[in-house]
C-alpha cells in the first residue's frame, strides 16, 4: 500500500470537493489509483484526462510509489 499526495483540477476538484488530499492506495499504477478515486467520487467521463507523477506527464500504467505526488489533469475548455 502506498501513500500518495493527489491533486485535482477543474471538474475533478469540484467532484472531489477538495483540491488535494493524501490517499492510501492499494493501486499499483496511476490507472488503478484513479479507478479507486473514481469509485469514491464518481468522476465524469473525460475523453483526454492526463496524469502527472512527480511533476512529469506519465503513462497511465506507470507504477506509483509511496510518497509520490499525482495530479489528474482534465482537458481545458476555452471560449
Foldseek 3Di string as FASTA:
>chain_A
DAWEKEAEDDQRCVQVVHGIDIDDDPDFFQLRVVVVVCVVRVGDDADDKWKDKQRHTDDRGDTDHHYIYMYIHGDDDDD
